[in-house]
Amino acid sequence: MNNINRDLLVMFNHELMSPQAIEHQVEMLHELLFDVERMDNLAQAHEVIDLNKYKVFNKKMLVKNIIREQELKPFVFLNCKN
């Protein structure tokens, strides 16, 4: 898996873990974030609330299109379903 450029703050107790174990944990965290941050998963876990039209959009394609916009319109919110 290619390493994308990201800043992670990971706190470990160096006395309990070897450098190889720490590197393994960071790699596993990167893999987890790579799967979670995919657009399909992001669109499935969120909904868009548009207070201008008084509507809630749950369809993945609409949510993806709104997420891809550079700027959200006023009173349009991205809401996590969790």
N, C-alpha and C. Protein backbone atom coordinates (compact mmCIF):
# COMPACT_ATOMS: atom_id res chain seq x y z
N MET A 1 0.86 -1.18 0.00
CA MET A 1 0.00 0.00 0.00
C MET A 1 0.89 1.23 0.00
N ASN A 2 0.54 2.18 -0.83
CA ASN A 2 1.36 3.38 -0.89
C ASN A 2 1.04 4.29 0.29
N ASN A 3 2.07 4.89 0.82
CA ASN A 3 1.90 5.80 1.96
C ASN A 3 1.55 7.18 1.43
N ILE A 4 0.38 7.67 1.77
CA ILE A 4 0.05 9.03 1.39
C ILE A 4 0.63 9.96 2.44
N ASN A 5 0.78 11.19 2.07
CA ASN A 5 1.38 12.17 2.96
C ASN A 5 0.32 12.65 3.95
N ARG A 6 0.41 12.20 5.17
CA ARG A 6 -0.52 12.63 6.21
C ARG A 6 0.22 12.78 7.52
N ASP A 7 -0.31 13.59 8.38
CA ASP A 7 0.26 13.78 9.70
C ASP A 7 -0.60 13.04 10.70
N LEU A 8 0.01 12.12 11.40
CA LEU A 8 -0.67 11.37 12.44
C LEU A 8 0.07 11.58 13.75
N LEU A 9 -0.68 11.80 14.79
CA LEU A 9 -0.10 11.88 16.12
C LEU A 9 -0.48 10.59 16.83
N VAL A 10 0.50 9.74 17.03
CA VAL A 10 0.27 8.45 17.66
C VAL A 10 1.11 8.41 18.92
N MET A 11 0.46 8.11 20.02
CA MET A 11 1.15 8.11 21.30
C MET A 11 1.27 6.67 21.81
N PHE A 12 2.50 6.24 22.05
CA PHE A 12 2.78 4.90 22.55
C PHE A 12 3.71 5.00 23.74
N ASN A 13 3.68 3.98 24.55
CA ASN A 13 4.64 3.86 25.63
C ASN A 13 5.85 3.11 25.05
N HIS A 14 6.96 3.81 24.85
CA HIS A 14 8.13 3.22 24.22
C HIS A 14 8.75 2.11 25.06
N GLU A 15 8.48 2.10 26.36
CA GLU A 15 9.05 1.06 27.20
C GLU A 15 8.37 -0.28 26.98
N LEU A 16 7.11 -0.27 26.56
CA LEU A 16 6.37 -1.51 26.40
C LEU A 16 6.42 -2.07 24.98
N MET A 17 6.72 -1.23 23.98
CA MET A 17 6.67 -1.67 22.60
C MET A 17 8.02 -1.45 21.91
N SER A 18 8.38 -2.39 21.06
CA SER A 18 9.61 -2.25 20.28
C SER A 18 9.35 -1.31 19.10
N PRO A 19 10.39 -0.77 18.49
CA PRO A 19 10.18 0.10 17.32
C PRO A 19 9.46 -0.61 16.17
N GLN A 20 9.71 -1.91 16.01
CA GLN A 20 9.02 -2.66 14.97
C GLN A 20 7.53 -2.77 15.27
N ALA A 21 7.17 -2.97 16.53
CA ALA A 21 5.77 -3.06 16.92
C ALA A 21 5.06 -1.72 16.73
N ILE A 22 5.75 -0.64 17.04
CA ILE A 22 5.18 0.69 16.83
C ILE A 22 4.95 0.94 15.35
N GLU A 23 5.95 0.59 14.52
CA GLU A 23 5.81 0.75 13.07
C GLU A 23 4.65 -0.09 12.53
N HIS A 24 4.48 -1.28 13.05
CA HIS A 24 3.37 -2.14 12.64
C HIS A 24 2.02 -1.52 13.01
N GLN A 25 1.94 -0.97 14.21
CA GLN A 25 0.70 -0.34 14.65
C GLN A 25 0.34 0.87 13.78
N VAL A 26 1.34 1.67 13.44
CA VAL A 26 1.11 2.84 12.58
C VAL A 26 0.67 2.40 11.19
N GLU A 27 1.27 1.34 10.68
CA GLU A 27 0.88 0.83 9.36
C GLU A 27 -0.55 0.30 9.38
N MET A 28 -0.94 -0.38 10.44
CA MET A 28 -2.31 -0.89 10.56
C MET A 28 -3.30 0.27 10.68
N LEU A 29 -2.93 1.32 11.40
CA LEU A 29 -3.78 2.50 11.51
C LEU A 29 -3.95 3.18 10.15
N HIS A 30 -2.88 3.25 9.38
CA HIS A 30 -2.95 3.83 8.04
C HIS A 30 -3.89 3.01 7.15
N GLU A 31 -3.80 1.68 7.21
CA GLU A 31 -4.68 0.83 6.42
C GLU A 31 -6.14 1.02 6.81
N LEU A 32 -6.40 1.13 8.10
CA LEU A 32 -7.77 1.35 8.58
C LEU A 32 -8.31 2.68 8.07
N LEU A 33 -7.51 3.73 8.18
CA LEU A 33 -7.95 5.05 7.71
C LEU A 33 -8.12 5.08 6.20
N PHE A 34 -7.30 4.36 5.48
CA PHE A 34 -7.40 4.31 4.02
C PHE A 34 -8.75 3.72 3.62
N ASP A 35 -9.21 2.68 4.31
CA ASP A 35 -10.50 2.08 3.99
C ASP A 35 -11.66 2.97 4.42
N VAL A 36 -11.55 3.57 5.57
CA VAL A 36 -12.65 4.38 6.11
C VAL A 36 -12.85 5.66 5.30
N GLU A 37 -11.76 6.25 4.81
CA GLU A 37 -11.84 7.53 4.12
C GLU A 37 -12.21 7.42 2.64
N ARG A 38 -12.51 6.23 2.15
CA ARG A 38 -12.94 6.09 0.76
C ARG A 38 -14.26 6.82 0.57
N MET A 39 -14.46 7.37 -0.63
CA MET A 39 -15.64 8.19 -0.90
C MET A 39 -16.94 7.42 -0.71
N ASP A 40 -16.96 6.14 -1.11
CA ASP A 40 -18.18 5.34 -0.95
C ASP A 40 -18.56 5.20 0.52
N ASN A 41 -17.57 4.91 1.35
CA ASN A 41 -17.84 4.75 2.78
C ASN A 41 -18.22 6.08 3.43
N LEU A 42 -17.59 7.14 3.00
CA LEU A 42 -17.89 8.47 3.53
C LEU A 42 -19.32 8.88 3.17
N ALA A 43 -19.72 8.62 1.92
CA ALA A 43 -21.08 8.98 1.49
C ALA A 43 -22.14 8.12 2.17
N GLN A 44 -21.79 6.88 2.48
CA GLN A 44 -22.74 6.00 3.14
C GLN A 44 -22.94 6.41 4.60
N ALA A 45 -21.92 6.93 5.23
CA ALA A 45 -21.99 7.27 6.65
C ALA A 45 -22.51 8.68 6.91
N HIS A 46 -22.73 9.48 5.85
CA HIS A 46 -23.18 10.86 6.01
C HIS A 46 -24.47 11.12 5.26
N GLU A 47 -25.12 12.18 5.65
CA GLU A 47 -26.29 12.69 4.93
C GLU A 47 -26.13 14.20 4.82
N VAL A 48 -26.84 14.79 3.88
CA VAL A 48 -26.76 16.23 3.67
C VAL A 48 -28.08 16.84 4.09
N ILE A 49 -28.01 17.85 4.94
CA ILE A 49 -29.20 18.57 5.38
C ILE A 49 -29.17 19.93 4.70
N ASP A 50 -30.18 20.18 3.87
CA ASP A 50 -30.29 21.45 3.14
C ASP A 50 -31.44 22.24 3.74
N LEU A 51 -31.09 23.26 4.52
CA LEU A 51 -32.13 24.07 5.17
C LEU A 51 -32.75 25.08 4.22
N ASN A 52 -32.12 25.31 3.07
CA ASN A 52 -32.71 26.20 2.07
C ASN A 52 -33.94 25.56 1.43
N LYS A 53 -33.84 24.25 1.21
CA LYS A 53 -34.95 23.52 0.58
C LYS A 53 -35.74 22.68 1.59
N TYR A 54 -35.30 22.68 2.84
CA TYR A 54 -35.91 21.88 3.90
C TYR A 54 -35.94 20.41 3.51
N LYS A 55 -34.78 19.89 3.08
CA LYS A 55 -34.67 18.50 2.66
C LYS A 55 -33.44 17.86 3.28
N VAL A 56 -33.53 16.54 3.40
CA VAL A 56 -32.41 15.73 3.83
C VAL A 56 -32.10 14.75 2.70
N PHE A 57 -30.85 14.74 2.24
CA PHE A 57 -30.44 13.88 1.15
C PHE A 57 -29.66 12.70 1.70
N ASN A 58 -30.14 11.49 1.40
CA ASN A 58 -29.46 10.27 1.85
C ASN A 58 -28.84 9.48 0.72
N LYS A 59 -29.20 9.78 -0.52
CA LYS A 59 -28.70 9.01 -1.66
C LYS A 59 -27.20 9.24 -1.81
N LYS A 60 -26.48 8.13 -2.01
CA LYS A 60 -25.02 8.19 -2.06
C LYS A 60 -24.51 9.12 -3.16
N MET A 61 -25.14 9.07 -4.31
CA MET A 61 -24.66 9.89 -5.44
C MET A 61 -24.81 11.39 -5.14
N LEU A 62 -25.93 11.78 -4.55
CA LEU A 62 -26.12 13.19 -4.20
C LEU A 62 -25.14 13.63 -3.12
N VAL A 63 -24.93 12.77 -2.13
CA VAL A 63 -24.00 13.10 -1.05
C VAL A 63 -22.58 13.23 -1.61
N LYS A 64 -22.19 12.32 -2.51
CA LYS A 64 -20.86 12.40 -3.12
C LYS A 64 -20.68 13.71 -3.89
N ASN A 65 -21.69 14.08 -4.66
CA ASN A 65 -21.59 15.32 -5.44
C ASN A 65 -21.46 16.54 -4.55
N ILE A 66 -22.17 16.56 -3.46
CA ILE A 66 -22.10 17.70 -2.55
C ILE A 66 -20.76 17.73 -1.81
N ILE A 67 -20.24 16.55 -1.44
CA ILE A 67 -18.93 16.49 -0.77
C ILE A 67 -17.83 16.99 -1.70
N ARG A 68 -17.93 16.68 -2.98
CA ARG A 68 -16.90 17.07 -3.94
C ARG A 68 -16.89 18.57 -4.25
N GLU A 69 -17.95 19.28 -3.92
CA GLU A 69 -17.99 20.72 -4.18
C GLU A 69 -16.91 21.41 -3.36
N GLN A 70 -16.37 22.49 -3.92
CA GLN A 70 -15.31 23.23 -3.23
C GLN A 70 -15.83 23.90 -1.96
N GLU A 71 -17.01 24.48 -2.06
CA GLU A 71 -17.60 25.19 -0.93
C GLU A 71 -19.06 24.80 -0.81
N LEU A 72 -19.49 24.55 0.40
CA LEU A 72 -20.92 24.27 0.60
C LEU A 72 -21.69 25.59 0.58
N LYS A 73 -22.89 25.51 0.08
CA LYS A 73 -23.75 26.68 0.07
C LYS A 73 -24.15 27.01 1.51
N PRO A 74 -24.57 28.23 1.77
CA PRO A 74 -25.01 28.56 3.13
C PRO A 74 -26.19 27.70 3.55
N PHE A 75 -26.17 27.26 4.78
CA PHE A 75 -27.21 26.45 5.39
C PHE A 75 -27.37 25.08 4.75
N VAL A 76 -26.28 24.55 4.20
CA VAL A 76 -26.23 23.16 3.74
C VAL A 76 -25.17 22.48 4.59
N PHE A 77 -25.57 21.43 5.29
CA PHE A 77 -24.70 20.80 6.28
C PHE A 77 -24.48 19.34 5.98
N LEU A 78 -23.27 18.87 6.24
CA LEU A 78 -22.92 17.47 6.14
C LEU A 78 -23.07 16.89 7.54
N ASN A 79 -23.93 15.89 7.68
CA ASN A 79 -24.22 15.33 8.99
C ASN A 79 -23.84 13.86 9.02
N CYS A 80 -23.11 13.47 10.06
CA CYS A 80 -22.73 12.07 10.23
C CYS A 80 -23.91 11.30 10.82
N LYS A 81 -24.25 10.18 10.22
CA LYS A 81 -25.39 9.37 10.68
C LYS A 81 -25.09 8.63 11.98
N ASN A 82 -23.82 8.47 12.30
CA ASN A 82 -23.47 7.69 13.50
C ASN A 82 -23.88 8.45 14.71
